[in-house]
Amino acid sequence: MLKWLDRYYIGEGIKGNVQIQSKINAGKPVPGIWLITLSDNPDNLMELIPADMLLLRSVYDTCPMIIGMAKGKEGAIKQVKKIVETMYKKTGSLSIRDYLKNR
């Protein structure tokens, strides 16, 4: 089962995010949707994954916590930029896990 942040971020142009999340959880294709996840690599804050990559069982089974979704790669990049700017403005640090816990 995929792990989702309770109040995950939703990028511009996403309509029907609950239905999209249900499709992703069910392992169905959702073309054009990109997911923002926490990174397993301690040198990175977040990772961007095309949602269709989760059709691969190995990716689905090892997917880190999903903290957002966006339409297209550019939309995902914009969403990550907004998250980082807000996080830094509010906390003065780049500790994404702490920021999300206290959000």
Protein backbone atom coordinates (compact mmCIF):
# COMPACT_ATOMS: atom_id res chain seq x y z
CA MET A 1 0.00 0.00 0.00
CA LEU A 2 1.28 3.46 -0.88
CA LYS A 3 1.88 5.99 1.89
CA TRP A 4 0.33 9.42 1.31
CA LEU A 5 0.77 12.57 3.38
CA ASP A 6 -2.61 13.33 4.98
CA ARG A 7 -2.82 16.78 3.42
CA TYR A 8 -0.69 16.26 0.32
CA TYR A 9 0.09 19.10 -2.04
CA ILE A 10 -1.94 19.43 -5.22
CA GLY A 11 -0.47 21.26 -8.21
CA GLU A 12 -2.28 23.56 -10.58
CA GLY A 13 -4.44 21.87 -13.18
CA ILE A 14 -5.23 18.80 -11.05
CA LYS A 15 -8.93 18.08 -10.99
CA GLY A 16 -10.38 15.10 -9.17
CA ASN A 17 -7.36 14.44 -6.99
CA VAL A 18 -9.25 11.87 -4.88
CA GLN A 19 -10.12 9.85 -8.00
CA ILE A 20 -6.54 10.13 -9.26
CA GLN A 21 -5.23 8.96 -5.87
CA SER A 22 -7.63 6.00 -5.96
CA LYS A 23 -6.43 5.02 -9.44
CA ILE A 24 -2.81 5.27 -8.38
CA ASN A 25 -3.47 3.15 -5.27
CA ALA A 26 -5.22 0.56 -7.45
CA GLY A 27 -2.24 0.36 -9.81
CA LYS A 28 -4.08 1.89 -12.77
CA PRO A 29 -2.47 4.25 -15.29
CA VAL A 30 -2.86 8.01 -14.85
CA PRO A 31 -1.05 9.62 -17.79
CA GLY A 32 0.48 13.03 -17.27
CA ILE A 33 0.44 12.92 -13.47
CA TRP A 34 3.72 13.28 -11.56
CA LEU A 35 4.18 12.51 -7.89
CA ILE A 36 6.36 14.32 -5.39
CA THR A 37 7.81 11.98 -2.79
CA LEU A 38 10.17 12.25 0.12
CA SER A 39 13.59 11.08 -0.90
CA ASP A 40 15.21 7.96 0.51
CA ASN A 41 18.57 9.56 -0.28
CA PRO A 42 19.64 11.75 2.68
CA ASP A 43 21.33 14.18 0.26
CA ASN A 44 18.00 14.98 -1.44
CA LEU A 45 14.79 16.49 -0.09
CA MET A 46 12.28 15.17 -2.60
CA GLU A 47 11.99 13.06 -5.74
CA LEU A 48 9.74 13.43 -8.77
CA ILE A 49 8.19 10.27 -10.20
CA PRO A 50 5.80 9.91 -13.13
CA ALA A 51 2.74 8.20 -11.62
CA ASP A 52 2.79 5.62 -14.40
CA MET A 53 6.11 4.32 -13.04
CA LEU A 54 4.06 2.85 -10.19
CA LEU A 55 2.64 0.35 -12.69
CA LEU A 56 5.94 -1.46 -12.12
CA ARG A 57 5.48 -3.58 -9.02
CA SER A 58 9.06 -3.00 -7.82
CA VAL A 59 8.58 0.78 -7.93
CA TYR A 60 5.12 0.56 -6.33
CA ASP A 61 6.44 -1.58 -3.46
CA THR A 62 9.38 0.72 -2.69
CA CYS A 63 7.76 4.12 -3.26
CA PRO A 64 8.57 6.59 -0.46
CA MET A 65 5.81 8.68 1.13
CA ILE A 66 3.93 10.71 -1.48
CA ILE A 67 3.63 14.34 -0.45
CA GLY A 68 2.15 15.82 -3.61
CA MET A 69 0.90 15.41 -7.14
CA ALA A 70 1.04 17.67 -10.16
CA LYS A 71 0.13 17.75 -13.81
CA GLY A 72 3.25 17.20 -15.90
CA LYS A 73 6.90 17.41 -15.01
CA GLU A 74 6.97 21.22 -15.17
CA GLY A 75 3.99 21.38 -12.81
CA ALA A 76 5.79 19.08 -10.38
CA ILE A 77 8.92 21.23 -10.49
CA LYS A 78 6.83 24.35 -9.78
CA GLN A 79 5.11 22.59 -6.88
CA VAL A 80 8.44 21.52 -5.36
CA LYS A 81 9.69 25.09 -5.67
CA LYS A 82 6.61 26.36 -3.80
CA ILE A 83 7.04 23.74 -1.07
CA VAL A 84 10.72 24.58 -0.55
CA GLU A 85 10.12 28.35 -0.55
CA THR A 86 7.26 28.06 1.97
CA MET A 87 9.21 25.64 4.15
CA TYR A 88 12.29 27.87 4.23
CA LYS A 89 10.23 31.01 4.85
CA LYS A 90 8.41 29.40 7.81
CA THR A 91 11.26 27.44 9.41
CA GLY A 92 14.51 28.90 8.11
CA SER A 93 15.72 25.37 7.35
CA LEU A 94 15.44 22.69 4.70
CA SER A 95 14.33 19.86 6.99
CA ILE A 96 11.36 18.63 4.95
CA ARG A 97 10.39 15.84 7.36
CA ASP A 98 10.21 18.21 10.34
CA TYR A 99 8.32 20.78 8.32
CA LEU A 100 5.71 18.25 7.17
CA LYS A 101 5.26 16.89 10.73
CA ASN A 102 4.49 20.35 12.06
CA ARG A 103 2.52 21.65 9.09
